[in-house]
């Protein structure tokens, strides 16, 4: 098969920065910062805000609103009897902000889905949305977006990316129930005297702050004051606060929207989102993305859903088999059940079925590493794609010297537990121009599309930048069914 690489490379841009909160190391430091600003004269405050605006206003949208928002978040530490001017509030808020270069290290692991808006396009063209994993200082990953068009001859045209990036409004779930916490503790194998003590003191419903305070106060008791229970506290907190919603203004360009880690479970990164356009049994459509949340110690499988890429709902995936990386949802139900690819054991590929998209409790082995180029491990490279001959699944294989390649597998359309065929050789591997990067010798994708009889594969090059490859669909299917 002929593989065509476009060499239309998307590289990380350290100039793109996100305005985010800065949290002092201690509460005393926070109080001291505010006190220093309170002691400034009004003229000094005005002069300092002028300097800040001159240096930073051209780099962000709505910077004044962000400074004032940060002021209100720390205002409990300000003497309520003081009447502070707006500029002084801004300076206090600005002192608890920082810029973060969210893609300074890498822009990789892309997934493509069709855009909900297909209007005003030439014949034979189709608009897509591409999600990418952006990684910056401290290896913290977030999700960013690009819009583009595949034309009638499958040229890739990416819309120009804006210079700004803007965080969404966030709505956190107000409360949780004790029975759900108890179930999650059992499923996560965290049952112990410490966890039992915490549960016994909780009401039937609780807020995340109440849980944090109770965990910390229980840790101070002599019988529970040890490193093991500190770790359990960390793990219990990662079970909650994972559910939230985010909202973007409709006039904000797609390339300026960023999904940055919000919950404790994803505090060290949102990794490898596998977006898929899902068709409901009633004909409705929405987009789901399975991704890995990482808090520095533990990974957790999460689910994101949206209809318009303006409002996203984020939930934790639960159940005994909702674990490890690489979960990828089928684009529709099969025989009335949701279906998911997975890899719970870091080595083999499994398939799961569930009547609830948020709970996954059973799995079945689909295939094992078979060929030399995947002898270390194998996994999926995004959600299956429906074709006339079966479900087309792009896979990744890891071989000697931890070299990653992309392969392909075909599953039966009615019973995807049956493997029709697999490529014996990689479909795509790193060439000499793609070997060097953040992680050498890696090609990887999180979701591809079929357009005008071609499979379009956006792929990461050595976990650094993103390229595109194309392969004739009929040639690929013929290879997969040749045995």
Protein backbone atom coordinates (compact mmCIF):
# COMPACT_ATOMS: atom_id res chain seq x y z
CA UNK A 1 0.00 0.00 0.00
CA UNK A 2 1.10 3.50 -0.77
CA UNK A 3 1.21 5.84 2.25
CA UNK A 4 1.29 9.54 1.46
CA UNK A 5 2.56 11.89 4.15
CA UNK A 6 1.53 15.52 3.78
CA UNK A 7 4.35 17.15 5.75
CA UNK A 8 1.82 19.76 6.81
CA UNK A 9 3.35 19.86 10.27
CA UNK A 10 1.75 21.46 13.31
CA UNK A 11 4.49 22.38 15.78
CA UNK A 12 4.19 23.58 19.38
CA UNK A 13 4.25 27.34 19.81
CA UNK A 14 5.76 28.65 23.08
CA UNK A 15 4.33 32.11 22.33
CA UNK A 16 0.79 30.89 23.03
CA UNK A 17 0.16 31.43 26.73
CA UNK A 18 -2.74 30.84 29.09
CA UNK A 19 -3.55 33.20 31.95
CA UNK A 20 -4.14 31.05 35.00
CA UNK A 21 -4.20 31.24 38.78
CA UNK A 22 -1.02 31.44 40.83
CA UNK A 23 -1.28 29.94 44.29
CA UNK A 24 1.31 31.05 46.93
CA UNK A 25 3.09 28.33 48.84
CA UNK A 26 1.47 29.26 52.15
CA UNK A 27 -1.51 31.18 53.47
CA UNK A 28 0.85 33.59 55.25
CA UNK A 29 2.51 34.46 51.95
CA UNK A 30 -0.90 35.18 50.43
CA UNK A 31 -1.78 37.49 53.33
CA UNK A 32 1.59 39.26 53.11
CA UNK A 33 1.19 39.89 49.36
CA UNK A 34 -2.19 41.51 49.92
CA UNK A 35 -0.83 43.61 52.80
CA UNK A 36 1.98 44.98 50.64
CA UNK A 37 -0.50 46.09 47.98
CA UNK A 38 -2.85 47.64 50.57
CA UNK A 39 0.08 49.76 51.81
CA UNK A 40 0.80 51.23 48.37
CA UNK A 41 -0.42 54.73 47.54
CA UNK A 42 -3.18 55.05 44.95
CA UNK A 43 -0.72 56.67 42.53
CA UNK A 44 1.66 53.71 42.90
CA UNK A 45 -1.20 51.30 42.25
CA UNK A 46 -2.31 53.17 39.11
CA UNK A 47 1.27 53.31 37.82
CA UNK A 48 1.79 49.57 38.41
CA UNK A 49 -1.46 48.59 36.70
CA UNK A 50 -0.46 50.74 33.75
CA UNK A 51 2.81 48.81 33.43
CA UNK A 52 0.99 45.48 33.67
CA UNK A 53 -1.58 46.43 31.02
CA UNK A 54 1.14 47.66 28.65
CA UNK A 55 3.07 44.40 29.00
CA UNK A 56 0.27 41.83 29.10
CA UNK A 57 -3.01 43.22 27.72
CA UNK A 58 -2.13 42.44 24.10
CA UNK A 59 -1.49 38.78 25.02
CA UNK A 60 -4.90 37.92 26.49
CA UNK A 61 -8.60 38.55 26.03
CA UNK A 62 -10.48 40.11 28.96
CA UNK A 63 -7.43 40.45 31.19
CA UNK A 64 -9.15 43.04 33.42
CA UNK A 65 -12.04 40.67 34.11
CA UNK A 66 -9.60 37.87 34.96
CA UNK A 67 -7.71 40.07 37.45
CA UNK A 68 -10.96 41.10 39.14
CA UNK A 69 -12.12 37.48 39.26
CA UNK A 70 -8.89 36.47 41.00
CA UNK A 71 -9.32 39.34 43.46
CA UNK A 72 -12.78 38.09 44.44
CA UNK A 73 -11.36 34.57 44.89
CA UNK A 74 -8.89 35.83 47.52
CA UNK A 75 -11.04 38.65 48.92
CA UNK A 76 -11.78 36.72 52.12
CA UNK A 77 -8.24 37.65 53.17
CA UNK A 78 -8.94 41.37 52.72
CA UNK A 79 -10.27 43.46 55.61
CA UNK A 80 -13.94 43.90 54.76
CA UNK A 81 -13.98 47.42 56.19
CA UNK A 82 -11.57 48.65 53.50
CA UNK A 83 -13.01 50.33 50.43
CA UNK A 84 -10.63 49.34 47.67
CA UNK A 85 -10.60 51.03 44.27
CA UNK A 86 -11.07 48.93 41.16
CA UNK A 87 -7.42 49.38 40.14
CA UNK A 88 -6.24 48.18 43.56
CA UNK A 89 -8.50 45.15 43.27
CA UNK A 90 -6.99 44.51 39.84
CA UNK A 91 -3.45 44.71 41.20
CA UNK A 92 -4.27 42.27 43.99
CA UNK A 93 -5.83 39.91 41.45
CA UNK A 94 -2.88 40.26 39.07
CA UNK A 95 -0.53 39.26 41.89
CA UNK A 96 -2.25 35.87 42.02
CA UNK A 97 -2.04 35.22 38.27
CA UNK A 98 0.60 33.74 36.03
CA UNK A 99 1.15 32.96 32.37
CA UNK A 100 1.54 29.34 31.34
CA UNK A 101 2.99 28.29 27.98
CA UNK A 102 0.69 25.32 27.53
CA UNK A 103 2.24 23.89 24.36
CA UNK A 104 5.88 24.86 24.85
CA UNK A 105 7.01 21.22 24.87
CA UNK A 106 4.70 19.36 22.48
CA UNK A 107 1.57 19.46 20.32
CA UNK A 108 0.67 15.87 19.58
CA UNK A 109 -1.65 12.83 19.81
CA UNK A 110 -4.40 14.25 17.54
CA UNK A 111 -7.94 13.05 16.90
CA UNK A 112 -10.23 14.16 14.04
CA UNK A 113 -14.04 14.32 13.91
CA UNK A 114 -16.40 15.97 11.46
CA UNK A 115 -17.37 19.52 12.38
CA UNK A 116 -21.05 20.06 13.32
CA UNK A 117 -21.10 22.96 10.82
CA UNK A 118 -20.70 21.83 7.18
CA UNK A 119 -22.12 24.98 5.58
CA UNK A 120 -20.56 27.14 2.85
CA UNK A 121 -18.07 24.59 1.53
CA UNK A 122 -17.10 23.73 -2.08
CA UNK A 123 -18.41 20.46 -3.51
CA UNK A 124 -16.45 17.46 -2.27
CA UNK A 125 -15.03 19.30 0.75
CA UNK A 126 -15.78 18.64 4.39
CA UNK A 127 -14.93 20.56 7.56
CA UNK A 128 -13.32 18.82 10.55
CA UNK A 129 -12.33 19.52 14.13
CA UNK A 130 -9.03 18.22 15.40
CA UNK A 131 -8.19 17.89 19.08
CA UNK A 132 -4.57 17.80 20.18
CA UNK A 133 -2.69 17.14 23.38
CA UNK A 134 -0.65 20.22 24.29
CA UNK A 135 2.14 19.83 26.85
CA UNK A 136 3.97 22.60 28.67
CA UNK A 137 6.11 23.20 31.75
CA UNK A 138 6.06 20.32 34.23
CA UNK A 139 4.70 17.94 31.56
CA UNK A 140 1.14 19.15 32.25
CA UNK A 141 -1.13 18.29 29.34
CA UNK A 142 -4.32 19.99 28.16
CA UNK A 143 -6.63 19.71 25.14
CA UNK A 144 -6.58 22.30 22.37
CA UNK A 145 -8.45 22.43 19.07
CA UNK A 146 -7.95 23.30 15.42
CA UNK A 147 -10.54 23.56 12.65
CA UNK A 148 -9.80 22.58 9.08
CA UNK A 149 -11.12 21.34 5.75
CA UNK A 150 -10.45 18.26 3.64
CA UNK A 151 -11.03 19.29 0.03
CA UNK A 152 -12.25 17.20 -2.92
CA UNK A 153 -8.79 15.70 -3.51
CA UNK A 154 -8.05 15.27 0.22
CA UNK A 155 -5.74 18.23 0.67
CA UNK A 156 -5.56 19.19 4.35
CA UNK A 157 -6.29 22.86 4.98
CA UNK A 158 -5.96 24.06 8.59
CA UNK A 159 -7.67 27.30 9.57
CA UNK A 160 -5.31 29.91 10.97
CA UNK A 161 -4.93 29.69 14.72
CA UNK A 162 -5.55 32.82 16.77
CA UNK A 163 -2.92 34.32 19.03
CA UNK A 164 -5.12 34.16 22.14
CA UNK A 165 -6.33 31.25 24.23
CA UNK A 166 -9.12 31.54 26.77
CA UNK A 167 -10.24 29.39 29.68
CA UNK A 168 -13.93 28.46 29.88
CA UNK A 169 -16.37 29.12 32.67
CA UNK A 170 -16.47 26.12 35.00
CA UNK A 171 -19.41 24.66 36.92
CA UNK A 172 -18.50 22.07 39.57
CA UNK A 173 -21.01 19.58 40.89
CA UNK A 174 -22.28 20.99 44.23
CA UNK A 175 -22.57 17.75 46.23
CA UNK A 176 -22.06 13.99 46.21
CA UNK A 177 -23.70 11.05 47.96
CA UNK A 178 -22.11 8.77 50.51
CA UNK A 179 -23.20 5.52 48.82
CA UNK A 180 -21.36 6.48 45.62
CA UNK A 181 -18.20 7.22 47.60
CA UNK A 182 -18.49 3.89 49.40
CA UNK A 183 -18.90 2.06 46.09
CA UNK A 184 -15.89 3.81 44.59
CA UNK A 185 -13.73 3.02 47.63
CA UNK A 186 -14.63 -0.68 47.28
CA UNK A 187 -14.00 -0.72 43.51
CA UNK A 188 -10.65 1.05 43.97
CA UNK A 189 -9.56 -1.45 46.65
CA UNK A 190 -9.19 1.31 49.26
CA UNK A 191 -11.22 -0.34 52.04
CA UNK A 192 -9.36 0.09 55.37
CA UNK A 193 -9.89 1.39 58.91
CA UNK A 194 -8.99 4.93 57.83
CA UNK A 195 -11.53 4.95 54.98
CA UNK A 196 -14.17 3.40 57.28
CA UNK A 197 -13.58 6.14 59.86
CA UNK A 198 -14.06 8.86 57.23
CA UNK A 199 -17.22 7.22 55.88
CA UNK A 200 -18.71 6.90 59.36
CA UNK A 201 -18.45 10.68 59.87
CA UNK A 202 -19.94 11.71 56.53
CA UNK A 203 -23.57 12.63 56.03
CA UNK A 204 -25.69 11.06 53.31
CA UNK A 205 -24.57 13.88 51.00
CA UNK A 206 -21.43 16.02 51.15
CA UNK A 207 -19.47 18.64 49.29
CA UNK A 208 -15.92 18.19 48.05
CA UNK A 209 -14.65 20.71 50.62
CA UNK A 210 -16.37 18.80 53.42
CA UNK A 211 -14.68 15.59 52.28
CA UNK A 212 -11.27 17.30 52.10
CA UNK A 213 -11.65 18.75 55.61
CA UNK A 214 -12.77 15.40 57.06
CA UNK A 215 -9.91 13.50 55.43
CA UNK A 216 -7.36 16.01 56.71
CA UNK A 217 -8.78 16.10 60.24
CA UNK A 218 -8.87 12.29 60.41
CA UNK A 219 -5.23 12.20 59.29
CA UNK A 220 -4.26 14.25 62.35
CA UNK A 221 -5.50 11.53 64.70
CA UNK A 222 -2.56 9.56 66.07
CA UNK A 223 -3.75 6.11 64.95
CA UNK A 224 -4.11 7.31 61.34
CA UNK A 225 -1.08 9.59 61.08
CA UNK A 226 1.10 7.71 58.57
CA UNK A 227 2.24 7.81 54.95
CA UNK A 228 -0.12 5.03 53.86
CA UNK A 229 -3.17 7.02 54.91
CA UNK A 230 -1.78 10.15 53.25
CA UNK A 231 -1.68 8.16 50.02
CA UNK A 232 -5.23 6.86 50.61
CA UNK A 233 -6.37 10.46 51.14
CA UNK A 234 -4.79 11.37 47.82
CA UNK A 235 -6.54 8.48 46.09
CA UNK A 236 -9.96 9.13 47.65
CA UNK A 237 -9.82 12.77 46.59
CA UNK A 238 -9.04 11.67 43.05
CA UNK A 239 -12.37 9.79 43.01
CA UNK A 240 -14.38 12.98 43.44
CA UNK A 241 -14.38 16.43 41.95
CA UNK A 242 -13.81 14.75 38.57
CA UNK A 243 -17.27 15.74 37.39
CA UNK A 244 -17.75 19.27 36.10
CA UNK A 245 -19.03 21.28 33.15
CA UNK A 246 -17.33 23.97 31.09
CA UNK A 247 -18.80 26.70 28.89
CA UNK A 248 -17.27 28.87 26.14
CA UNK A 249 -18.72 32.01 24.57
CA UNK A 250 -20.16 31.23 21.15
CA UNK A 251 -18.07 33.95 19.50
CA UNK A 252 -14.77 32.48 20.75
CA UNK A 253 -12.87 30.86 17.84
CA UNK A 254 -12.35 27.11 18.17
CA UNK A 255 -8.54 27.43 18.19
CA UNK A 256 -8.75 29.76 21.21
CA UNK A 257 -10.57 27.23 23.41
CA UNK A 258 -8.50 25.16 25.82
CA UNK A 259 -9.52 22.40 28.21
CA UNK A 260 -6.98 22.74 31.00
CA UNK A 261 -6.85 20.41 34.04
CA UNK A 262 -9.51 21.36 36.58
CA UNK A 263 -10.08 18.48 38.97
CA UNK A 264 -7.77 16.83 41.47
CA UNK A 265 -7.79 13.64 39.37
CA UNK A 266 -6.36 15.45 36.33
CA UNK A 267 -4.13 17.95 38.14
CA UNK A 268 -1.02 16.70 36.30
CA UNK A 269 -2.66 16.40 32.92
CA UNK A 270 -5.46 15.56 30.51
CA UNK A 271 -3.95 12.98 28.17
CA UNK A 272 -4.77 11.38 24.80
CA UNK A 273 -8.40 12.35 24.24
CA UNK A 274 -10.06 10.00 21.75
CA UNK A 275 -12.93 12.01 20.26
CA UNK A 276 -15.69 10.25 18.35
CA UNK A 277 -18.90 11.45 16.70
CA UNK A 278 -21.58 9.23 18.25
CA UNK A 279 -24.94 8.51 16.65
CA UNK A 280 -27.79 7.69 19.00
CA UNK A 281 -30.43 5.10 18.22
CA UNK A 282 -32.89 7.95 17.63
CA UNK A 283 -30.60 9.50 15.00
CA UNK A 284 -29.29 12.24 17.29
CA UNK A 285 -25.58 13.02 17.27
CA UNK A 286 -23.10 14.18 19.85
CA UNK A 287 -19.39 13.90 20.48
CA UNK A 288 -17.71 11.85 23.18
CA UNK A 289 -14.08 11.71 24.17
CA UNK A 290 -12.46 9.17 26.44
CA UNK A 291 -9.25 10.43 28.02
CA UNK A 292 -6.76 9.72 30.77
CA UNK A 293 -6.69 11.96 33.84
CA UNK A 294 -3.38 11.97 35.72
CA UNK A 295 -2.73 13.48 39.13
CA UNK A 296 0.97 12.67 39.41
CA UNK A 297 0.39 9.35 41.17
CA UNK A 298 -2.65 7.70 39.64
CA UNK A 299 -4.39 7.57 36.28
CA UNK A 300 -8.16 7.61 35.87
CA UNK A 301 -10.40 7.06 32.85
CA UNK A 302 -12.73 9.97 32.11
CA UNK A 303 -15.50 10.74 29.65
CA UNK A 304 -16.18 14.08 27.99
CA UNK A 305 -19.31 14.87 25.99
CA UNK A 306 -20.44 17.81 23.89
CA UNK A 307 -22.82 18.63 21.07
CA UNK A 308 -21.23 21.86 19.89
CA UNK A 309 -17.68 22.19 21.34
CA UNK A 310 -18.99 25.11 23.41
CA UNK A 311 -20.49 23.22 26.35
CA UNK A 312 -18.65 20.16 27.66
CA UNK A 313 -19.68 17.80 30.42
CA UNK A 314 -16.90 15.82 32.12
CA UNK A 315 -17.54 12.65 34.14
CA UNK A 316 -15.53 9.85 35.69
CA UNK A 317 -15.81 6.40 34.10
CA UNK A 318 -16.65 3.81 36.74
CA UNK A 319 -16.77 0.05 37.11
CA UNK A 320 -14.23 -2.69 37.70
CA UNK A 321 -12.89 -2.50 34.11
CA UNK A 322 -12.80 1.29 33.75
CA UNK A 323 -9.08 1.43 34.29
CA UNK A 324 -5.76 1.95 32.55
CA UNK A 325 -5.19 3.95 29.37
CA UNK A 326 -6.53 3.61 25.86
CA UNK A 327 -10.30 3.34 26.15
CA UNK A 328 -12.00 4.12 22.81
CA UNK A 329 -15.76 4.22 22.26
CA UNK A 330 -17.49 2.79 19.18
CA UNK A 331 -19.42 5.48 17.25
CA UNK A 332 -22.81 3.83 17.84
CA UNK A 333 -24.42 1.13 19.97
CA UNK A 334 -24.07 -2.49 18.84
CA UNK A 335 -27.03 -4.78 19.52
CA UNK A 336 -28.40 -2.19 21.93
CA UNK A 337 -25.18 -1.89 23.95
CA UNK A 338 -22.40 0.67 24.15
CA UNK A 339 -19.10 -0.83 23.01
CA UNK A 340 -15.59 0.17 23.99
CA UNK A 341 -12.03 -0.89 23.15
CA UNK A 342 -9.66 -1.06 26.10
CA UNK A 343 -6.31 -2.31 27.36
CA UNK A 344 -6.48 -2.99 31.08
CA UNK A 345 -3.27 -5.04 31.36
CA UNK A 346 -0.85 -2.71 29.51
CA UNK A 347 -0.35 -5.39 26.88
CA UNK A 348 -3.43 -6.83 25.16
CA UNK A 349 -6.50 -5.41 23.43
CA UNK A 350 -9.94 -6.01 24.90
CA UNK A 351 -13.52 -5.16 23.98
CA UNK A 352 -16.25 -4.23 26.47
CA UNK A 353 -20.02 -3.82 26.33
CA UNK A 354 -22.29 -1.92 28.70
CA UNK A 355 -25.86 -0.64 28.90
CA UNK A 356 -24.56 2.46 30.74
CA UNK A 357 -21.89 4.57 29.08
CA UNK A 358 -20.43 5.54 32.48
CA UNK A 359 -20.05 2.03 33.95
CA UNK A 360 -17.85 -0.78 32.57
CA UNK A 361 -17.60 -4.06 34.47
CA UNK A 362 -16.78 -6.81 31.96
CA UNK A 363 -14.23 -7.30 29.18
CA UNK A 364 -13.31 -9.87 26.56
CA UNK A 365 -9.89 -10.43 25.00
CA UNK A 366 -9.89 -9.18 21.40
CA UNK A 367 -6.31 -9.79 20.29
CA UNK A 368 -2.79 -10.04 21.67
CA UNK A 369 0.53 -8.69 20.38
CA UNK A 370 1.33 -11.02 17.51
CA UNK A 371 3.92 -9.50 15.21
CA UNK A 372 7.54 -8.54 15.88
CA UNK A 373 6.84 -4.81 15.66
CA UNK A 374 4.34 -5.06 18.56
CA UNK A 375 5.96 -7.69 20.74
CA UNK A 376 6.18 -5.37 23.78
CA UNK A 377 2.53 -4.23 23.78
CA UNK A 378 -0.35 -3.20 21.57
CA UNK A 379 -3.30 -0.87 21.91
CA UNK A 380 -5.83 1.10 19.90
CA UNK A 381 -5.29 4.40 18.12
CA UNK A 382 -8.76 5.80 18.50
CA UNK A 383 -12.37 4.80 18.04
CA UNK A 384 -13.31 2.20 15.40
CA UNK A 385 -14.44 3.51 12.01
CA UNK A 386 -17.42 1.86 10.33
CA UNK A 387 -16.80 0.63 6.77
CA UNK A 388 -18.76 -1.60 4.39
CA UNK A 389 -16.49 -4.56 5.25
CA UNK A 390 -16.24 -4.13 9.01
CA UNK A 391 -15.01 -1.95 11.86
CA UNK A 392 -11.64 -0.48 10.94
CA UNK A 393 -9.45 -0.11 14.03
CA UNK A 394 -6.10 1.62 13.93
CA UNK A 395 -3.76 0.13 16.48
CA UNK A 396 -0.38 0.98 17.91
CA UNK A 397 2.33 -1.54 18.54
CA UNK A 398 5.47 -1.17 20.63
CA UNK A 399 8.48 -3.19 19.59
CA UNK A 400 12.20 -3.42 20.44
CA UNK A 401 13.91 -0.20 21.57
CA UNK A 402 10.38 1.03 22.43
CA UNK A 403 9.58 1.93 18.84
CA UNK A 404 5.92 2.76 18.25
CA UNK A 405 4.21 1.91 14.95
CA UNK A 406 0.62 2.22 13.73
CA UNK A 407 -1.16 -0.88 12.40
CA UNK A 408 -4.71 -1.76 11.42
CA UNK A 409 -7.28 -4.41 12.35
CA UNK A 410 -10.71 -5.20 10.88
CA UNK A 411 -13.56 -6.40 13.13
CA UNK A 412 -16.88 -7.97 12.15
CA UNK A 413 -19.54 -5.28 11.75
CA UNK A 414 -22.29 -7.21 13.61
CA UNK A 415 -20.05 -8.96 16.13
CA UNK A 416 -16.90 -6.92 16.76
CA UNK A 417 -15.53 -9.57 19.11
CA UNK A 418 -14.56 -11.38 15.87
CA UNK A 419 -11.31 -10.31 14.18
CA UNK A 420 -11.51 -10.49 10.36
CA UNK A 421 -7.93 -9.50 9.66
CA UNK A 422 -4.84 -7.67 10.86
CA UNK A 423 -1.95 -6.03 9.02
CA UNK A 424 1.19 -8.11 9.42
CA UNK A 425 3.41 -5.08 8.85
CA UNK A 426 2.98 -1.54 10.20
CA UNK A 427 0.80 0.84 8.26
CA UNK A 428 2.85 3.78 9.49
CA UNK A 429 6.18 4.18 11.28
CA UNK A 430 8.54 7.06 11.94
CA UNK A 431 10.88 7.95 9.08
CA UNK A 432 14.27 9.60 9.55
CA UNK A 433 12.66 13.04 9.70
CA UNK A 434 10.22 11.97 12.43
CA UNK A 435 12.40 10.00 14.82
CA UNK A 436 13.64 12.90 16.96
CA UNK A 437 11.43 14.61 19.50
CA UNK A 438 10.14 14.57 23.05
CA UNK A 439 9.94 10.75 22.93
CA UNK A 440 11.99 9.33 20.00
CA UNK A 441 10.78 6.75 17.46
CA UNK A 442 7.06 7.20 18.11
CA UNK A 443 4.10 7.68 15.76
CA UNK A 444 0.68 7.79 17.38
CA UNK A 445 -2.86 8.91 16.66
CA UNK A 446 -6.08 9.16 18.68
CA UNK A 447 -8.61 9.25 15.85
CA UNK A 448 -8.82 9.28 12.04
CA UNK A 449 -11.44 9.96 9.34
CA UNK A 450 -12.48 8.53 5.97
CA UNK A 451 -12.95 11.07 3.18
CA UNK A 452 -13.27 10.57 -0.58
CA UNK A 453 -12.15 6.92 -0.40
CA UNK A 454 -9.08 7.70 1.67
CA UNK A 455 -8.21 7.14 5.30
CA UNK A 456 -6.85 10.42 6.68
CA UNK A 457 -4.58 9.86 9.68
CA UNK A 458 -3.40 12.78 11.79
CA UNK A 459 -0.44 11.49 13.77
CA UNK A 460 2.10 12.61 16.32
CA UNK A 461 5.79 12.49 15.49
CA UNK A 462 7.90 11.44 18.47
CA UNK A 463 5.47 13.05 20.91
CA UNK A 464 6.48 16.50 19.67
CA UNK A 465 4.56 17.71 16.59
CA UNK A 466 1.72 16.54 14.35
CA UNK A 467 1.65 15.47 10.70
CA UNK A 468 -0.94 13.84 8.39
CA UNK A 469 -0.89 10.64 6.34
CA UNK A 470 -3.30 9.29 3.71
CA UNK A 471 -3.93 5.78 2.44
CA UNK A 472 -6.41 4.48 -0.14
CA UNK A 473 -9.29 2.90 1.79
CA UNK A 474 -9.99 0.09 -0.69
CA UNK A 475 -6.32 -0.91 -0.78
CA UNK A 476 -6.27 -1.07 3.00
CA UNK A 477 -9.48 -3.10 3.27
CA UNK A 478 -8.26 -5.47 0.57
CA UNK A 479 -5.06 -6.06 2.53
CA UNK A 480 -7.04 -6.71 5.72
CA UNK A 481 -9.35 -9.24 4.04
CA UNK A 482 -6.77 -10.95 1.79
CA UNK A 483 -6.45 -14.01 4.04
